[in-house]
């Protein structure tokens, strides 16, 4: 029983130490999207979706209009890279 209490105290101490020294960085906001194979670069919003981002950047037409869902199927076959630069201070203890 005593060893279980020691483990619990250790876990609580580690959890407290991590929470005191951690910094929350949100991933929400403007990102940069790239489809390398086609050399397409666009602004992206997180949270969001690839079709919405491409439509907002006038790369594709509205996916829900006419036969655009067929015309835009190429998007699902692409690899997309999203990048964002974070600014912040390094906190050490």
PDB file of N, CA and C in Angstrom:
ATOM      1  N   UNK A   1       0.818  -1.196   0.000  1.00  0.00           N
ATOM      2  CA  UNK A   1       0.000   0.000   0.000  1.00  0.00           C
ATOM      3  C   UNK A   1       0.860   1.256   0.000  1.00  0.00           C
ATOM      4  N   UNK A   2       1.968   1.220   0.762  1.00  0.00           N
ATOM      5  CA  UNK A   2       2.848   2.381   0.853  1.00  0.00           C
ATOM      6  C   UNK A   2       3.485   2.685  -0.497  1.00  0.00           C
ATOM      7  N   UNK A   3       3.841   1.641  -1.268  1.00  0.00           N
ATOM      8  CA  UNK A   3       4.467   1.883  -2.569  1.00  0.00           C
ATOM      9  C   UNK A   3       3.471   2.496  -3.548  1.00  0.00           C
ATOM     10  N   UNK A   4       2.179   2.157  -3.447  1.00  0.00           N
ATOM     11  CA  UNK A   4       1.160   2.757  -4.312  1.00  0.00           C
ATOM     12  C   UNK A   4       1.023   4.243  -4.022  1.00  0.00           C
ATOM     13  N   UNK A   5       1.108   4.607  -2.762  1.00  0.00           N
ATOM     14  CA  UNK A   5       1.029   6.013  -2.378  1.00  0.00           C
ATOM     15  C   UNK A   5       2.242   6.769  -2.912  1.00  0.00           C
ATOM     16  N   UNK A   6       3.423   6.153  -2.812  1.00  0.00           N
ATOM     17  CA  UNK A   6       4.638   6.791  -3.338  1.00  0.00           C
ATOM     18  C   UNK A   6       4.528   7.004  -4.839  1.00  0.00           C
ATOM     19  N   UNK A   7       4.008   6.025  -5.572  1.00  0.00           N
ATOM     20  CA  UNK A   7       3.845   6.144  -7.021  1.00  0.00           C
ATOM     21  C   UNK A   7       2.847   7.258  -7.340  1.00  0.00           C
ATOM     22  N   UNK A   8       1.742   7.311  -6.593  1.00  0.00           N
ATOM     23  CA  UNK A   8       0.749   8.357  -6.801  1.00  0.00           C
ATOM     24  C   UNK A   8       1.344   9.733  -6.571  1.00  0.00           C
ATOM     25  N   UNK A   9       2.097   9.891  -5.501  1.00  0.00           N
ATOM     26  CA  UNK A   9       2.745  11.174  -5.208  1.00  0.00           C
ATOM     27  C   UNK A   9       3.731  11.535  -6.312  1.00  0.00           C
ATOM     28  N   UNK A  10       4.502  10.573  -6.792  1.00  0.00           N
ATOM     29  CA  UNK A  10       5.450  10.823  -7.874  1.00  0.00           C
ATOM     30  C   UNK A  10       4.734  11.262  -9.145  1.00  0.00           C
ATOM     31  N   UNK A  11       3.656  10.587  -9.502  1.00  0.00           N
ATOM     32  CA  UNK A  11       2.887  10.944 -10.700  1.00  0.00           C
ATOM     33  C   UNK A  11       2.304  12.346 -10.560  1.00  0.00           C
ATOM     34  N   UNK A  12       1.753  12.659  -9.422  1.00  0.00           N
ATOM     35  CA  UNK A  12       1.206  13.996  -9.203  1.00  0.00           C
ATOM     36  C   UNK A  12       2.283  15.066  -9.277  1.00  0.00           C
ATOM     37  N   UNK A  13       3.443  14.793  -8.715  1.00  0.00           N
ATOM     38  CA  UNK A  13       4.553  15.752  -8.752  1.00  0.00           C
ATOM     39  C   UNK A  13       5.016  15.980 -10.183  1.00  0.00           C
ATOM     40  N   UNK A  14       5.152  14.906 -10.964  1.00  0.00           N
ATOM     41  CA  UNK A  14       5.572  15.035 -12.368  1.00  0.00           C
ATOM     42  C   UNK A  14       4.523  15.811 -13.160  1.00  0.00           C
ATOM     43  N   UNK A  15       3.258  15.517 -12.958  1.00  0.00           N
ATOM     44  CA  UNK A  15       2.178  16.221 -13.664  1.00  0.00           C
ATOM     45  C   UNK A  15       2.204  17.710 -13.325  1.00  0.00           C
ATOM     46  N   UNK A  16       2.386  18.034 -12.066  1.00  0.00           N
ATOM     47  CA  UNK A  16       2.452  19.429 -11.655  1.00  0.00           C
ATOM     48  C   UNK A  16       3.658  20.117 -12.275  1.00  0.00           C
ATOM     49  N   UNK A  17       4.802  19.450 -12.267  1.00  0.00           N
ATOM     50  CA  UNK A  17       6.023  20.041 -12.832  1.00  0.00           C
ATOM     51  C   UNK A  17       5.861  20.325 -14.326  1.00  0.00           C
ATOM     52  N   UNK A  18       5.243  19.411 -15.032  1.00  0.00           N
ATOM     53  CA  UNK A  18       5.036  19.601 -16.475  1.00  0.00           C
ATOM     54  C   UNK A  18       4.077  20.752 -16.724  1.00  0.00           C
ATOM     55  N   UNK A  19       3.000  20.842 -15.964  1.00  0.00           N
ATOM     56  CA  UNK A  19       2.017  21.896 -16.194  1.00  0.00           C
ATOM     57  C   UNK A  19       2.567  23.270 -15.865  1.00  0.00           C
ATOM     58  N   UNK A  20       3.451  23.365 -14.900  1.00  0.00           N
ATOM     59  CA  UNK A  20       4.044  24.645 -14.537  1.00  0.00           C
ATOM     60  C   UNK A  20       5.004  25.118 -15.625  1.00  0.00           C
ATOM     61  N   UNK A  21       5.705  24.207 -16.267  1.00  0.00           N
ATOM     62  CA  UNK A  21       6.738  24.565 -17.232  1.00  0.00           C
ATOM     63  C   UNK A  21       6.257  24.522 -18.682  1.00  0.00           C
ATOM     64  N   UNK A  22       5.015  24.183 -18.924  1.00  0.00           N
ATOM     65  CA  UNK A  22       4.557  24.055 -20.300  1.00  0.00           C
ATOM     66  C   UNK A  22       3.920  25.340 -20.790  1.00  0.00           C
ATOM     67  N   UNK A  23       3.888  25.479 -22.107  1.00  0.00           N
ATOM     68  CA  UNK A  23       3.282  26.627 -22.752  1.00  0.00           C
ATOM     69  C   UNK A  23       2.329  26.106 -23.818  1.00  0.00           C
ATOM     70  N   UNK A  24       1.138  26.651 -23.877  1.00  0.00           N
ATOM     71  CA  UNK A  24       0.154  26.213 -24.859  1.00  0.00           C
ATOM     72  C   UNK A  24       0.305  27.051 -26.117  1.00  0.00           C
ATOM     73  N   UNK A  25       0.453  26.370 -27.244  1.00  0.00           N
ATOM     74  CA  UNK A  25       0.520  27.042 -28.541  1.00  0.00           C
ATOM     75  C   UNK A  25      -0.655  26.534 -29.357  1.00  0.00           C
ATOM     76  N   UNK A  26      -1.525  27.433 -29.794  1.00  0.00           N
ATOM     77  CA  UNK A  26      -2.679  27.024 -30.574  1.00  0.00           C
ATOM     78  C   UNK A  26      -2.272  26.783 -32.030  1.00  0.00           C
ATOM     79  N   UNK A  27      -2.898  25.807 -32.639  1.00  0.00           N
ATOM     80  CA  UNK A  27      -2.649  25.522 -34.051  1.00  0.00           C
ATOM     81  C   UNK A  27      -3.650  26.239 -34.949  1.00  0.00           C
ATOM     82  N   UNK A  28      -4.655  26.878 -34.360  1.00  0.00           N
ATOM     83  CA  UNK A  28      -5.652  27.599 -35.131  1.00  0.00           C
ATOM     84  C   UNK A  28      -5.029  28.815 -35.807  1.00  0.00           C
ATOM     85  N   UNK A  29      -5.578  29.198 -36.950  1.00  0.00           N
ATOM     86  CA  UNK A  29      -5.121  30.409 -37.623  1.00  0.00           C
ATOM     87  C   UNK A  29      -4.783  30.169 -39.085  1.00  0.00           C
ATOM     88  N   UNK A  30      -4.006  31.076 -39.629  1.00  0.00           N
ATOM     89  CA  UNK A  30      -3.631  31.030 -41.038  1.00  0.00           C
ATOM     90  C   UNK A  30      -2.362  30.204 -41.215  1.00  0.00           C
ATOM     91  N   UNK A  31      -2.412  29.259 -42.144  1.00  0.00           N
ATOM     92  CA  UNK A  31      -1.299  28.403 -42.502  1.00  0.00           C
ATOM     93  C   UNK A  31      -1.002  28.608 -43.978  1.00  0.00           C
ATOM     94  N   UNK A  32       0.072  28.043 -44.460  1.00  0.00           N
ATOM     95  CA  UNK A  32       0.419  28.068 -45.881  1.00  0.00           C
ATOM     96  C   UNK A  32       0.327  26.641 -46.394  1.00  0.00           C
ATOM     97  N   UNK A  33      -0.503  26.434 -47.431  1.00  0.00           N
ATOM     98  CA  UNK A  33      -0.661  25.122 -48.014  1.00  0.00           C
ATOM     99  C   UNK A  33       0.091  25.031 -49.332  1.00  0.00           C
ATOM    100  N   UNK A  34       0.637  23.857 -49.625  1.00  0.00           N
ATOM    101  CA  UNK A  34       1.375  23.639 -50.863  1.00  0.00           C
ATOM    102  C   UNK A  34       1.053  22.261 -51.424  1.00  0.00           C
ATOM    103  N   UNK A  35       0.726  22.232 -52.716  1.00  0.00           N
ATOM    104  CA  UNK A  35       0.630  20.983 -53.460  1.00  0.00           C
ATOM    105  C   UNK A  35       1.849  20.985 -54.371  1.00  0.00           C
ATOM    106  N   UNK A  36       2.914  20.298 -53.958  1.00  0.00           N
ATOM    107  CA  UNK A  36       4.210  20.390 -54.621  1.00  0.00           C
ATOM    108  C   UNK A  36       4.188  19.897 -56.062  1.00  0.00           C
ATOM    109  N   UNK A  37       3.496  18.791 -56.330  1.00  0.00           N
ATOM    110  CA  UNK A  37       3.505  18.192 -57.668  1.00  0.00           C
ATOM    111  C   UNK A  37       2.982  19.171 -58.708  1.00  0.00           C
ATOM    112  N   UNK A  38       2.003  19.986 -58.333  1.00  0.00           N
ATOM    113  CA  UNK A  38       1.392  20.928 -59.271  1.00  0.00           C
ATOM    114  C   UNK A  38       1.876  22.355 -59.051  1.00  0.00           C
ATOM    115  N   UNK A  39       2.795  22.559 -58.132  1.00  0.00           N
ATOM    116  CA  UNK A  39       3.336  23.873 -57.798  1.00  0.00           C
ATOM    117  C   UNK A  39       2.218  24.869 -57.450  1.00  0.00           C
ATOM    118  N   UNK A  40       1.304  24.433 -56.577  1.00  0.00           N
ATOM    119  CA  UNK A  40       0.198  25.272 -56.130  1.00  0.00           C
ATOM    120  C   UNK A  40       0.441  25.662 -54.683  1.00  0.00           C
ATOM    121  N   UNK A  41       0.406  26.962 -54.405  1.00  0.00           N
ATOM    122  CA  UNK A  41       0.553  27.490 -53.048  1.00  0.00           C
ATOM    123  C   UNK A  41      -0.704  28.276 -52.709  1.00  0.00           C
ATOM    124  N   UNK A  42      -1.165  28.151 -51.482  1.00  0.00           N
ATOM    125  CA  UNK A  42      -2.399  28.839 -51.099  1.00  0.00           C
ATOM    126  C   UNK A  42      -2.421  29.071 -49.595  1.00  0.00           C
ATOM    127  N   UNK A  43      -3.226  30.058 -49.187  1.00  0.00           N
ATOM    128  CA  UNK A  43      -3.456  30.301 -47.770  1.00  0.00           C
ATOM    129  C   UNK A  43      -4.492  29.308 -47.277  1.00  0.00           C
ATOM    130  N   UNK A  44      -4.287  28.798 -46.081  1.00  0.00           N
ATOM    131  CA  UNK A  44      -5.191  27.814 -45.500  1.00  0.00           C
ATOM    132  C   UNK A  44      -5.583  28.256 -44.098  1.00  0.00           C
ATOM    133  N   UNK A  45      -6.770  27.835 -43.677  1.00  0.00           N
ATOM    134  CA  UNK A  45      -7.265  28.167 -42.346  1.00  0.00           C
ATOM    135  C   UNK A  45      -7.431  26.889 -41.541  1.00  0.00           C
ATOM    136  N   UNK A  46      -6.914  26.903 -40.318  1.00  0.00           N
ATOM    137  CA  UNK A  46      -7.073  25.780 -39.402  1.00  0.00           C
ATOM    138  C   UNK A  46      -7.901  26.269 -38.232  1.00  0.00           C
ATOM    139  N   UNK A  47      -8.999  25.622 -37.859  1.00  0.00           N
ATOM    140  CA  UNK A  47      -9.517  24.425 -38.498  1.00  0.00           C
ATOM    141  C   UNK A  47     -10.164  24.759 -39.836  1.00  0.00           C
ATOM    142  N   UNK A  48     -10.174  23.804 -40.724  1.00  0.00           N
ATOM    143  CA  UNK A  48     -10.750  23.993 -42.049  1.00  0.00           C
ATOM    144  C   UNK A  48     -10.551  22.764 -42.895  1.00  0.00           C
ATOM    145  N   UNK A  49     -10.751  22.916 -44.191  1.00  0.00           N
ATOM    146  CA  UNK A  49     -10.625  21.784 -45.097  1.00  0.00           C
ATOM    147  C   UNK A  49      -9.981  22.201 -46.402  1.00  0.00           C
ATOM    148  N   UNK A  50      -9.421  21.234 -47.092  1.00  0.00           N
ATOM    149  CA  UNK A  50      -8.680  21.495 -48.322  1.00  0.00           C
ATOM    150  C   UNK A  50      -9.577  22.099 -49.405  1.00  0.00           C
ATOM    151  N   UNK A  51     -10.793  21.589 -49.578  1.00  0.00           N
ATOM    152  CA  UNK A  51     -11.666  22.102 -50.627  1.00  0.00           C
ATOM    153  C   UNK A  51     -12.067  23.548 -50.342  1.00  0.00           C
ATOM    154  N   UNK A  52     -12.363  23.867 -49.101  1.00  0.00           N
ATOM    155  CA  UNK A  52     -12.703  25.245 -48.730  1.00  0.00           C
ATOM    156  C   UNK A  52     -11.521  26.172 -48.951  1.00  0.00           C
ATOM    157  N   UNK A  53     -10.325  25.738 -48.568  1.00  0.00           N
ATOM    158  CA  UNK A  53      -9.132  26.566 -48.753  1.00  0.00           C
ATOM    159  C   UNK A  53      -8.860  26.829 -50.228  1.00  0.00           C
ATOM    160  N   UNK A  54      -8.962  25.793 -51.054  1.00  0.00           N
ATOM    161  CA  UNK A  54      -8.711  25.971 -52.486  1.00  0.00           C
ATOM    162  C   UNK A  54      -9.779  26.845 -53.126  1.00  0.00           C
ATOM    163  N   UNK A  55     -11.021  26.734 -52.689  1.00  0.00           N
ATOM    164  CA  UNK A  55     -12.091  27.575 -53.237  1.00  0.00           C
ATOM    165  C   UNK A  55     -11.879  29.033 -52.839  1.00  0.00           C
ATOM    166  N   UNK A  56     -11.523  29.288 -51.587  1.00  0.00           N
ATOM    167  CA  UNK A  56     -11.284  30.661 -51.129  1.00  0.00           C
ATOM    168  C   UNK A  56     -10.129  31.320 -51.889  1.00  0.00           C
ATOM    169  N   UNK A  57      -9.185  30.509 -52.363  1.00  0.00           N
ATOM    170  CA  UNK A  57      -8.034  31.032 -53.104  1.00  0.00           C
ATOM    171  C   UNK A  57      -8.260  30.974 -54.618  1.00  0.00           C
ATOM    172  N   UNK A  58      -9.505  30.736 -55.044  1.00  0.00           N
ATOM    173  CA  UNK A  58      -9.889  30.698 -56.460  1.00  0.00           C
ATOM    174  C   UNK A  58      -9.100  29.685 -57.277  1.00  0.00           C
ATOM    175  N   UNK A  59      -8.752  28.563 -56.663  1.00  0.00           N
ATOM    176  CA  UNK A  59      -8.044  27.491 -57.365  1.00  0.00           C
ATOM    177  C   UNK A  59      -9.051  26.484 -57.919  1.00  0.00           C
ATOM    178  N   UNK A  60     -10.142  26.269 -57.181  1.00  0.00           N
ATOM    179  CA  UNK A  60     -11.226  25.414 -57.661  1.00  0.00           C
ATOM    180  C   UNK A  60     -12.536  26.175 -57.503  1.00  0.00           C
ATOM    181  N   UNK A  61     -13.565  25.698 -58.218  1.00  0.00           N
ATOM    182  CA  UNK A  61     -14.902  26.277 -58.080  1.00  0.00           C
ATOM    183  C   UNK A  61     -15.647  25.548 -56.966  1.00  0.00           C
ATOM    184  N   UNK A  62     -16.775  26.131 -56.540  1.00  0.00           N
ATOM    185  CA  UNK A  62     -17.588  25.580 -55.456  1.00  0.00           C
ATOM    186  C   UNK A  62     -17.877  24.105 -55.704  1.00  0.00           C
ATOM    187  N   UNK A  63     -17.454  23.279 -54.790  1.00  0.00           N
ATOM    188  CA  UNK A  63     -17.583  21.831 -54.911  1.00  0.00           C
ATOM    189  C   UNK A  63     -19.038  21.363 -54.886  1.00  0.00           C
ATOM    190  N   UNK A  64     -19.944  22.185 -54.358  1.00  0.00           N
ATOM    191  CA  UNK A  64     -21.344  21.798 -54.211  1.00  0.00           C
ATOM    192  C   UNK A  64     -22.213  22.310 -55.353  1.00  0.00           C
ATOM    193  N   UNK A  65     -21.622  22.891 -56.382  1.00  0.00           N
ATOM    194  CA  UNK A  65     -22.387  23.467 -57.489  1.00  0.00           C
ATOM    195  C   UNK A  65     -22.162  22.657 -58.762  1.00  0.00           C
ATOM    196  N   UNK A  66     -23.256  22.302 -59.416  1.00  0.00           N
ATOM    197  CA  UNK A  66     -23.163  21.602 -60.697  1.00  0.00           C
ATOM    198  C   UNK A  66     -22.373  20.307 -60.595  1.00  0.00           C
ATOM    199  N   UNK A  67     -21.460  20.126 -61.548  1.00  0.00           N
ATOM    200  CA  UNK A  67     -20.615  18.926 -61.578  1.00  0.00           C
ATOM    201  C   UNK A  67     -19.206  19.194 -61.059  1.00  0.00           C
ATOM    202  N   UNK A  68     -19.072  20.250 -60.261  1.00  0.00           N
ATOM    203  CA  UNK A  68     -17.744  20.591 -59.736  1.00  0.00           C
ATOM    204  C   UNK A  68     -17.185  19.512 -58.820  1.00  0.00           C
ATOM    205  N   UNK A  69     -18.063  18.721 -58.179  1.00  0.00           N
ATOM    206  CA  UNK A  69     -17.544  17.646 -57.340  1.00  0.00           C
ATOM    207  C   UNK A  69     -16.772  16.638 -58.178  1.00  0.00           C
ATOM    208  N   UNK A  70     -17.173  16.453 -59.432  1.00  0.00           N
ATOM    209  CA  UNK A  70     -16.448  15.565 -60.348  1.00  0.00           C
ATOM    210  C   UNK A  70     -15.171  16.253 -60.830  1.00  0.00           C
ATOM    211  N   UNK A  71     -15.291  17.536 -61.196  1.00  0.00           N
ATOM    212  CA  UNK A  71     -14.133  18.287 -61.703  1.00  0.00           C
ATOM    213  C   UNK A  71     -13.037  18.455 -60.653  1.00  0.00           C
ATOM    214  N   UNK A  72     -13.428  18.437 -59.377  1.00  0.00           N
ATOM    215  CA  UNK A  72     -12.466  18.685 -58.293  1.00  0.00           C
ATOM    216  C   UNK A  72     -11.928  17.411 -57.643  1.00  0.00           C
ATOM    217  N   UNK A  73     -12.224  16.271 -58.211  1.00  0.00           N
ATOM    218  CA  UNK A  73     -11.768  15.012 -57.599  1.00  0.00           C
ATOM    219  C   UNK A  73     -10.250  14.869 -57.588  1.00  0.00           C
ATOM    220  N   UNK A  74      -9.569  15.583 -58.438  1.00  0.00           N
ATOM    221  CA  UNK A  74      -8.110  15.524 -58.479  1.00  0.00           C
ATOM    222  C   UNK A  74      -7.514  15.932 -57.130  1.00  0.00           C
ATOM    223  N   UNK A  75      -8.229  16.781 -56.385  1.00  0.00           N
ATOM    224  CA  UNK A  75      -7.718  17.277 -55.102  1.00  0.00           C
ATOM    225  C   UNK A  75      -7.482  16.120 -54.135  1.00  0.00           C
ATOM    226  N   UNK A  76      -8.377  15.153 -54.120  1.00  0.00           N
ATOM    227  CA  UNK A  76      -8.261  14.027 -53.201  1.00  0.00           C
ATOM    228  C   UNK A  76      -7.087  13.112 -53.477  1.00  0.00           C
ATOM    229  N   UNK A  77      -6.480  13.243 -54.654  1.00  0.00           N
ATOM    230  CA  UNK A  77      -5.332  12.405 -55.020  1.00  0.00           C
ATOM    231  C   UNK A  77      -3.994  13.109 -54.808  1.00  0.00           C
ATOM    232  N   UNK A  78      -4.014  14.269 -54.179  1.00  0.00           N
ATOM    233  CA  UNK A  78      -2.797  15.058 -54.008  1.00  0.00           C
ATOM    234  C   UNK A  78      -2.296  14.998 -52.569  1.00  0.00           C
ATOM    235  N   UNK A  79      -0.999  15.137 -52.428  1.00  0.00           N
ATOM    236  CA  UNK A  79      -0.390  15.297 -51.102  1.00  0.00           C
ATOM    237  C   UNK A  79      -0.237  16.789 -50.846  1.00  0.00           C
ATOM    238  N   UNK A  80      -0.725  17.228 -49.705  1.00  0.00           N
ATOM    239  CA  UNK A  80      -0.689  18.646 -49.365  1.00  0.00           C
ATOM    240  C   UNK A  80       0.173  18.828 -48.129  1.00  0.00           C
ATOM    241  N   UNK A  81       1.051  19.822 -48.167  1.00  0.00           N
ATOM    242  CA  UNK A  81       1.884  20.160 -47.025  1.00  0.00           C
ATOM    243  C   UNK A  81       1.414  21.491 -46.455  1.00  0.00           C
ATOM    244  N   UNK A  82       1.193  21.529 -45.151  1.00  0.00           N
ATOM    245  CA  UNK A  82       0.793  22.760 -44.468  1.00  0.00           C
ATOM    246  C   UNK A  82       1.953  23.216 -43.582  1.00  0.00           C
ATOM    247  N   UNK A  83       2.252  24.508 -43.639  1.00  0.00           N
ATOM    248  CA  UNK A  83       3.331  25.055 -42.813  1.00  0.00           C
ATOM    249  C   UNK A  83       2.848  26.307 -42.087  1.00  0.00           C
ATOM    250  N   UNK A  84       3.457  26.544 -40.939  1.00  0.00           N
ATOM    251  CA  UNK A  84       3.169  27.736 -40.152  1.00  0.00           C
ATOM    252  C   UNK A  84       4.392  28.045 -39.303  1.00  0.00           C
ATOM    253  N   UNK A  85       4.712  29.307 -39.167  1.00  0.00           N
ATOM    254  CA  UNK A  85       5.823  29.725 -38.317  1.00  0.00           C
ATOM    255  C   UNK A  85       5.264  30.168 -36.971  1.00  0.00           C
ATOM    256  N   UNK A  86       5.898  29.707 -35.920  1.00  0.00           N
ATOM    257  CA  UNK A  86       5.479  30.069 -34.574  1.00  0.00           C
ATOM    258  C   UNK A  86       6.517  30.985 -33.943  1.00  0.00           C
ATOM    259  N   UNK A  87       6.040  32.042 -33.317  1.00  0.00           N
ATOM    260  CA  UNK A  87       6.923  32.954 -32.595  1.00  0.00           C
ATOM    261  C   UNK A  87       6.675  32.753 -31.107  1.00  0.00           C
ATOM    262  N   UNK A  88       7.719  32.700 -30.358  1.00  0.00           N
ATOM    263  CA  UNK A  88       7.550  32.523 -28.911  1.00  0.00           C
ATOM    264  C   UNK A  88       8.891  32.522 -28.207  1.00  0.00           C
ATOM    265  N   UNK A  89       8.825  32.575 -26.914  1.00  0.00           N
ATOM    266  CA  UNK A  89      10.029  32.552 -26.093  1.00  0.00           C
ATOM    267  C   UNK A  89      10.312  31.136 -25.626  1.00  0.00           C
ATOM    268  N   UNK A  90      11.565  30.826 -25.507  1.00  0.00           N
ATOM    269  CA  UNK A  90      11.966  29.559 -24.916  1.00  0.00           C
ATOM    270  C   UNK A  90      12.016  29.755 -23.410  1.00  0.00           C
ATOM    271  N   UNK A  91      11.259  28.939 -22.715  1.00  0.00           N
ATOM    272  CA  UNK A  91      11.199  29.050 -21.255  1.00  0.00           C
ATOM    273  C   UNK A  91      11.957  27.888 -20.652  1.00  0.00           C
ATOM    274  N   UNK A  92      12.949  28.197 -19.852  1.00  0.00           N
ATOM    275  CA  UNK A  92      13.727  27.152 -19.191  1.00  0.00           C
ATOM    276  C   UNK A  92      13.645  27.335 -17.689  1.00  0.00           C
ATOM    277  N   UNK A  93      13.804  26.244 -16.983  1.00  0.00           N
ATOM    278  CA  UNK A  93      13.775  26.347 -15.523  1.00  0.00           C
ATOM    279  C   UNK A  93      15.046  25.772 -14.954  1.00  0.00           C
TER     280      UNK A  93
END
